[in-house]
């Protein structure tokens, strides 16, 4: 669980840091409320449309693999954000961000539901959300301070690195999960 929390803390930090500033970035490209609303609507629509398919994939492949796809995909997309120059490119990007957001939401829940736990599952999930939210809140506050010294592009490049770190922690977490799961199965067979 520890590595999964690290992984998702990196991902939530990157997403939380970039989201408020990404909105400013979009506002500079689309100068009207309608273009902003359409961009955000594409994000939510693409997420909604893809959730069922992603759920099927998560049942077949498990949540860890899809979370790695999410983290690496977000890492690459965040490298592209600073080079976006038109509202049409923002619309295209929003579709991919929506699909990847759906991958994260569904896969995270799949992984949490499969985690071995001692005691109450609610306590485990509460602990998970505490740490990921805490990291996220500190990151947003710190980023506002850092922007006094760097350009907005710095946020997207830094977030890309955080998403990549998330994928590395996911691989470690999955390896740890497999090892723990095998030990539990051996213990159950011995009884």
C-alpha atoms as a PDB file:
ATOM      1  CA  UNK A   1       0.000   0.000   0.000  1.00  0.00           C
ATOM      2  CA  UNK A   2       2.892   2.346   0.798  1.00  0.00           C
ATOM      3  CA  UNK A   3       4.177   2.432  -2.804  1.00  0.00           C
ATOM      4  CA  UNK A   4       0.673   2.815  -4.166  1.00  0.00           C
ATOM      5  CA  UNK A   5       0.180   5.860  -1.925  1.00  0.00           C
ATOM      6  CA  UNK A   6       3.521   7.280  -3.133  1.00  0.00           C
ATOM      7  CA  UNK A   7       2.517   6.692  -6.726  1.00  0.00           C
ATOM      8  CA  UNK A   8      -0.879   8.288  -6.462  1.00  0.00           C
ATOM      9  CA  UNK A   9       0.523  11.133  -4.353  1.00  0.00           C
ATOM     10  CA  UNK A  10       2.878  11.964  -7.221  1.00  0.00           C
ATOM     11  CA  UNK A  11       0.010  11.770  -9.720  1.00  0.00           C
ATOM     12  CA  UNK A  12      -2.417  13.784  -7.576  1.00  0.00           C
ATOM     13  CA  UNK A  13       0.270  16.368  -6.881  1.00  0.00           C
ATOM     14  CA  UNK A  14       0.993  16.762 -10.595  1.00  0.00           C
ATOM     15  CA  UNK A  15      -2.684  17.005 -11.466  1.00  0.00           C
ATOM     16  CA  UNK A  16      -3.492  19.381  -8.600  1.00  0.00           C
ATOM     17  CA  UNK A  17      -0.539  21.636  -9.328  1.00  0.00           C
ATOM     18  CA  UNK A  18      -1.237  21.906 -13.002  1.00  0.00           C
ATOM     19  CA  UNK A  19      -5.029  22.102 -13.064  1.00  0.00           C
ATOM     20  CA  UNK A  20      -5.534  25.654 -11.732  1.00  0.00           C
ATOM     21  CA  UNK A  21      -2.740  26.956 -13.943  1.00  0.00           C
ATOM     22  CA  UNK A  22      -3.888  24.928 -16.932  1.00  0.00           C
ATOM     23  CA  UNK A  23      -7.171  26.809 -16.699  1.00  0.00           C
ATOM     24  CA  UNK A  24      -5.243  30.077 -16.981  1.00  0.00           C
ATOM     25  CA  UNK A  25      -3.331  28.637 -19.918  1.00  0.00           C
ATOM     26  CA  UNK A  26      -6.575  27.721 -21.715  1.00  0.00           C
ATOM     27  CA  UNK A  27      -8.037  31.140 -20.942  1.00  0.00           C
ATOM     28  CA  UNK A  28      -5.124  32.772 -22.756  1.00  0.00           C
ATOM     29  CA  UNK A  29      -5.838  30.677 -25.861  1.00  0.00           C
ATOM     30  CA  UNK A  30      -9.616  30.838 -25.877  1.00  0.00           C
ATOM     31  CA  UNK A  31     -10.732  34.324 -25.040  1.00  0.00           C
ATOM     32  CA  UNK A  32     -14.394  33.547 -24.496  1.00  0.00           C
ATOM     33  CA  UNK A  33     -16.434  31.700 -21.927  1.00  0.00           C
ATOM     34  CA  UNK A  34     -17.949  29.545 -24.657  1.00  0.00           C
ATOM     35  CA  UNK A  35     -14.551  28.252 -25.849  1.00  0.00           C
ATOM     36  CA  UNK A  36     -13.557  27.536 -22.259  1.00  0.00           C
ATOM     37  CA  UNK A  37     -16.888  25.803 -21.557  1.00  0.00           C
ATOM     38  CA  UNK A  38     -16.608  23.729 -24.709  1.00  0.00           C
ATOM     39  CA  UNK A  39     -13.033  22.698 -23.834  1.00  0.00           C
ATOM     40  CA  UNK A  40     -14.044  21.589 -20.350  1.00  0.00           C
ATOM     41  CA  UNK A  41     -17.158  19.908 -21.718  1.00  0.00           C
ATOM     42  CA  UNK A  42     -15.012  17.874 -24.127  1.00  0.00           C
ATOM     43  CA  UNK A  43     -12.947  16.732 -21.156  1.00  0.00           C
ATOM     44  CA  UNK A  44     -15.966  15.493 -19.192  1.00  0.00           C
ATOM     45  CA  UNK A  45     -17.702  14.048 -22.256  1.00  0.00           C
ATOM     46  CA  UNK A  46     -14.663  12.038 -23.352  1.00  0.00           C
ATOM     47  CA  UNK A  47     -14.279  10.749 -19.787  1.00  0.00           C
ATOM     48  CA  UNK A  48     -17.942   9.735 -19.590  1.00  0.00           C
ATOM     49  CA  UNK A  49     -17.927   7.980 -22.962  1.00  0.00           C
ATOM     50  CA  UNK A  50     -14.772   6.021 -22.158  1.00  0.00           C
ATOM     51  CA  UNK A  51     -15.590   4.848 -18.594  1.00  0.00           C
ATOM     52  CA  UNK A  52     -17.458   1.672 -19.637  1.00  0.00           C
ATOM     53  CA  UNK A  53     -14.728   0.488 -21.980  1.00  0.00           C
ATOM     54  CA  UNK A  54     -12.056   1.266 -19.400  1.00  0.00           C
ATOM     55  CA  UNK A  55     -14.028  -0.699 -16.806  1.00  0.00           C
ATOM     56  CA  UNK A  56     -13.969  -3.741 -19.101  1.00  0.00           C
ATOM     57  CA  UNK A  57     -10.232  -3.327 -19.656  1.00  0.00           C
ATOM     58  CA  UNK A  58      -9.654  -3.015 -15.914  1.00  0.00           C
ATOM     59  CA  UNK A  59     -11.514  -6.299 -15.357  1.00  0.00           C
ATOM     60  CA  UNK A  60      -9.311  -8.028 -17.929  1.00  0.00           C
ATOM     61  CA  UNK A  61      -5.933  -6.481 -17.226  1.00  0.00           C
ATOM     62  CA  UNK A  62      -6.210  -5.183 -13.665  1.00  0.00           C
ATOM     63  CA  UNK A  63      -5.908  -1.651 -12.427  1.00  0.00           C
ATOM     64  CA  UNK A  64      -2.139  -1.419 -12.089  1.00  0.00           C
ATOM     65  CA  UNK A  65      -1.384  -1.706 -15.795  1.00  0.00           C
ATOM     66  CA  UNK A  66      -3.971   0.910 -16.663  1.00  0.00           C
ATOM     67  CA  UNK A  67      -2.629   3.257 -13.986  1.00  0.00           C
ATOM     68  CA  UNK A  68       0.834   2.941 -15.528  1.00  0.00           C
ATOM     69  CA  UNK A  69      -0.693   3.797 -18.921  1.00  0.00           C
ATOM     70  CA  UNK A  70      -2.386   6.792 -17.287  1.00  0.00           C
ATOM     71  CA  UNK A  71       0.789   8.064 -15.616  1.00  0.00           C
ATOM     72  CA  UNK A  72       2.976   7.687 -18.704  1.00  0.00           C
ATOM     73  CA  UNK A  73       0.272   9.120 -20.965  1.00  0.00           C
ATOM     74  CA  UNK A  74      -0.139  12.150 -18.709  1.00  0.00           C
ATOM     75  CA  UNK A  75       3.622  12.585 -18.567  1.00  0.00           C
ATOM     76  CA  UNK A  76       3.800  12.816 -22.363  1.00  0.00           C
ATOM     77  CA  UNK A  77       0.735  15.056 -22.646  1.00  0.00           C
ATOM     78  CA  UNK A  78       2.157  17.478 -20.113  1.00  0.00           C
ATOM     79  CA  UNK A  79       5.313  17.784 -22.181  1.00  0.00           C
ATOM     80  CA  UNK A  80       3.093  18.856 -25.089  1.00  0.00           C
ATOM     81  CA  UNK A  81       0.965  21.427 -23.257  1.00  0.00           C
ATOM     82  CA  UNK A  82       3.473  24.308 -23.464  1.00  0.00           C
ATOM     83  CA  UNK A  83       3.617  23.944 -27.255  1.00  0.00           C
ATOM     84  CA  UNK A  84      -0.167  24.275 -27.667  1.00  0.00           C
ATOM     85  CA  UNK A  85      -0.889  27.442 -29.649  1.00  0.00           C
ATOM     86  CA  UNK A  86      -4.533  27.277 -30.668  1.00  0.00           C
ATOM     87  CA  UNK A  87      -7.894  26.558 -29.110  1.00  0.00           C
ATOM     88  CA  UNK A  88      -8.350  23.643 -31.536  1.00  0.00           C
ATOM     89  CA  UNK A  89      -5.230  22.026 -30.090  1.00  0.00           C
ATOM     90  CA  UNK A  90      -6.667  22.580 -26.609  1.00  0.00           C
ATOM     91  CA  UNK A  91      -9.873  20.799 -27.656  1.00  0.00           C
ATOM     92  CA  UNK A  92      -7.878  17.854 -28.966  1.00  0.00           C
ATOM     93  CA  UNK A  93      -5.811  17.749 -25.774  1.00  0.00           C
ATOM     94  CA  UNK A  94      -8.947  17.890 -23.620  1.00  0.00           C
ATOM     95  CA  UNK A  95     -10.247  14.697 -25.216  1.00  0.00           C
ATOM     96  CA  UNK A  96      -7.068  12.811 -24.324  1.00  0.00           C
ATOM     97  CA  UNK A  97      -7.012  14.285 -20.828  1.00  0.00           C
ATOM     98  CA  UNK A  98     -10.620  13.189 -20.324  1.00  0.00           C
ATOM     99  CA  UNK A  99      -9.923   9.616 -21.405  1.00  0.00           C
ATOM    100  CA  UNK A 100      -6.816   9.423 -19.227  1.00  0.00           C
ATOM    101  CA  UNK A 101      -8.726  10.914 -16.299  1.00  0.00           C
ATOM    102  CA  UNK A 102     -11.318   8.164 -16.676  1.00  0.00           C
ATOM    103  CA  UNK A 103      -8.527   5.577 -16.750  1.00  0.00           C
ATOM    104  CA  UNK A 104      -7.202   6.951 -13.474  1.00  0.00           C
ATOM    105  CA  UNK A 105     -10.572   7.119 -11.702  1.00  0.00           C
ATOM    106  CA  UNK A 106     -11.638   3.608 -12.640  1.00  0.00           C
ATOM    107  CA  UNK A 107      -8.243   1.953 -12.182  1.00  0.00           C
ATOM    108  CA  UNK A 108      -7.590   3.577  -8.821  1.00  0.00           C
ATOM    109  CA  UNK A 109     -10.848   2.158  -7.483  1.00  0.00           C
ATOM    110  CA  UNK A 110     -10.078  -1.287  -8.911  1.00  0.00           C
ATOM    111  CA  UNK A 111      -6.652  -1.338  -7.244  1.00  0.00           C
ATOM    112  CA  UNK A 112      -8.012  -0.110  -3.906  1.00  0.00           C
ATOM    113  CA  UNK A 113     -10.742  -2.746  -3.938  1.00  0.00           C
ATOM    114  CA  UNK A 114      -8.176  -5.503  -4.514  1.00  0.00           C
ATOM    115  CA  UNK A 115      -5.714  -4.353  -1.833  1.00  0.00           C
ATOM    116  CA  UNK A 116      -5.189  -6.773   1.013  1.00  0.00           C
ATOM    117  CA  UNK A 117      -6.069  -5.131   4.314  1.00  0.00           C
ATOM    118  CA  UNK A 118      -5.982  -5.840   8.004  1.00  0.00           C
ATOM    119  CA  UNK A 119      -8.907  -4.310   9.804  1.00  0.00           C
ATOM    120  CA  UNK A 120     -11.413  -2.037   8.144  1.00  0.00           C
ATOM    121  CA  UNK A 121     -11.264  -1.260   4.435  1.00  0.00           C
ATOM    122  CA  UNK A 122     -12.683   2.207   5.153  1.00  0.00           C
ATOM    123  CA  UNK A 123      -9.710   2.976   7.393  1.00  0.00           C
ATOM    124  CA  UNK A 124      -7.316   1.912   4.634  1.00  0.00           C
ATOM    125  CA  UNK A 125      -9.086   4.041   2.015  1.00  0.00           C
ATOM    126  CA  UNK A 126      -9.289   7.006   4.411  1.00  0.00           C
ATOM    127  CA  UNK A 127      -5.541   6.735   5.028  1.00  0.00           C
ATOM    128  CA  UNK A 128      -4.928   6.602   1.291  1.00  0.00           C
ATOM    129  CA  UNK A 129      -7.033   9.715   0.618  1.00  0.00           C
ATOM    130  CA  UNK A 130      -5.457  11.572   3.545  1.00  0.00           C
ATOM    131  CA  UNK A 131      -1.922  11.199   2.206  1.00  0.00           C
ATOM    132  CA  UNK A 132      -2.737  11.847  -1.443  1.00  0.00           C
ATOM    133  CA  UNK A 133      -4.823  14.930  -0.566  1.00  0.00           C
ATOM    134  CA  UNK A 134      -2.211  16.274   1.837  1.00  0.00           C
ATOM    135  CA  UNK A 135       0.538  16.066  -0.792  1.00  0.00           C
ATOM    136  CA  UNK A 136      -1.755  17.654  -3.330  1.00  0.00           C
ATOM    137  CA  UNK A 137      -2.657  20.620  -1.107  1.00  0.00           C
ATOM    138  CA  UNK A 138       0.969  21.417  -0.247  1.00  0.00           C
ATOM    139  CA  UNK A 139       1.914  21.171  -3.908  1.00  0.00           C
ATOM    140  CA  UNK A 140      -0.737  23.659  -5.032  1.00  0.00           C
ATOM    141  CA  UNK A 141       0.288  26.198  -2.390  1.00  0.00           C
ATOM    142  CA  UNK A 142       3.977  25.737  -3.159  1.00  0.00           C
ATOM    143  CA  UNK A 143       3.445  26.078  -6.890  1.00  0.00           C
ATOM    144  CA  UNK A 144       1.822  29.474  -6.520  1.00  0.00           C
ATOM    145  CA  UNK A 145       4.970  30.590  -4.719  1.00  0.00           C
ATOM    146  CA  UNK A 146       7.311  29.036  -7.288  1.00  0.00           C
ATOM    147  CA  UNK A 147       5.534  30.740 -10.172  1.00  0.00           C
ATOM    148  CA  UNK A 148       6.955  34.008  -8.948  1.00  0.00           C
ATOM    149  CA  UNK A 149      10.345  32.723 -10.114  1.00  0.00           C
ATOM    150  CA  UNK A 150       9.522  30.516 -13.112  1.00  0.00           C
ATOM    151  CA  UNK A 151       7.272  30.578 -16.165  1.00  0.00           C
ATOM    152  CA  UNK A 152       3.985  28.694 -16.371  1.00  0.00           C
ATOM    153  CA  UNK A 153       5.697  26.173 -18.673  1.00  0.00           C
ATOM    154  CA  UNK A 154       7.774  25.055 -15.693  1.00  0.00           C
ATOM    155  CA  UNK A 155       4.618  23.677 -14.047  1.00  0.00           C
ATOM    156  CA  UNK A 156       3.795  21.421 -16.974  1.00  0.00           C
ATOM    157  CA  UNK A 157       7.359  20.085 -17.278  1.00  0.00           C
ATOM    158  CA  UNK A 158       7.526  19.497 -13.522  1.00  0.00           C
ATOM    159  CA  UNK A 159       4.143  17.760 -13.569  1.00  0.00           C
ATOM    160  CA  UNK A 160       5.367  15.547 -16.391  1.00  0.00           C
ATOM    161  CA  UNK A 161       8.235  14.408 -14.180  1.00  0.00           C
ATOM    162  CA  UNK A 162       5.834  13.746 -11.308  1.00  0.00           C
ATOM    163  CA  UNK A 163       3.606  11.608 -13.534  1.00  0.00           C
ATOM    164  CA  UNK A 164       6.667   9.647 -14.649  1.00  0.00           C
ATOM    165  CA  UNK A 165       7.665   9.142 -10.994  1.00  0.00           C
ATOM    166  CA  UNK A 166       4.119   7.922 -10.370  1.00  0.00           C
ATOM    167  CA  UNK A 167       4.489   5.226 -13.018  1.00  0.00           C
ATOM    168  CA  UNK A 168       7.775   4.043 -11.488  1.00  0.00           C
ATOM    169  CA  UNK A 169       6.187   3.824  -8.029  1.00  0.00           C
ATOM    170  CA  UNK A 170       3.254   1.902  -9.562  1.00  0.00           C
ATOM    171  CA  UNK A 171       5.599  -0.739 -10.940  1.00  0.00           C
ATOM    172  CA  UNK A 172       7.193  -1.092  -7.489  1.00  0.00           C
ATOM    173  CA  UNK A 173       3.749  -1.149  -5.860  1.00  0.00           C
ATOM    174  CA  UNK A 174       2.491  -3.852  -8.202  1.00  0.00           C
ATOM    175  CA  UNK A 175       5.570  -5.993  -7.561  1.00  0.00           C
ATOM    176  CA  UNK A 176       5.011  -5.573  -3.821  1.00  0.00           C
ATOM    177  CA  UNK A 177       1.298  -6.407  -4.233  1.00  0.00           C
ATOM    178  CA  UNK A 178       2.078  -9.621  -6.137  1.00  0.00           C
ATOM    179  CA  UNK A 179       4.620 -10.694  -3.516  1.00  0.00           C
ATOM    180  CA  UNK A 180       2.186  -9.990  -0.647  1.00  0.00           C
ATOM    181  CA  UNK A 181      -0.696 -11.705  -2.459  1.00  0.00           C
ATOM    182  CA  UNK A 182       1.391 -14.856  -3.028  1.00  0.00           C
ATOM    183  CA  UNK A 183       2.400 -14.951   0.633  1.00  0.00           C
ATOM    184  CA  UNK A 184      -1.247 -14.677   1.683  1.00  0.00           C
ATOM    185  CA  UNK A 185      -2.199 -17.532  -0.689  1.00  0.00           C
ATOM    186  CA  UNK A 186       0.589 -19.749   0.714  1.00  0.00           C
ATOM    187  CA  UNK A 187      -0.605 -18.994   4.253  1.00  0.00           C
ATOM    188  CA  UNK A 188      -4.192 -19.878   3.335  1.00  0.00           C
ATOM    189  CA  UNK A 189      -3.163 -23.162   1.689  1.00  0.00           C
ATOM    190  CA  UNK A 190      -1.103 -24.137   4.734  1.00  0.00           C
ATOM    191  CA  UNK A 191      -4.166 -23.738   6.966  1.00  0.00           C
END
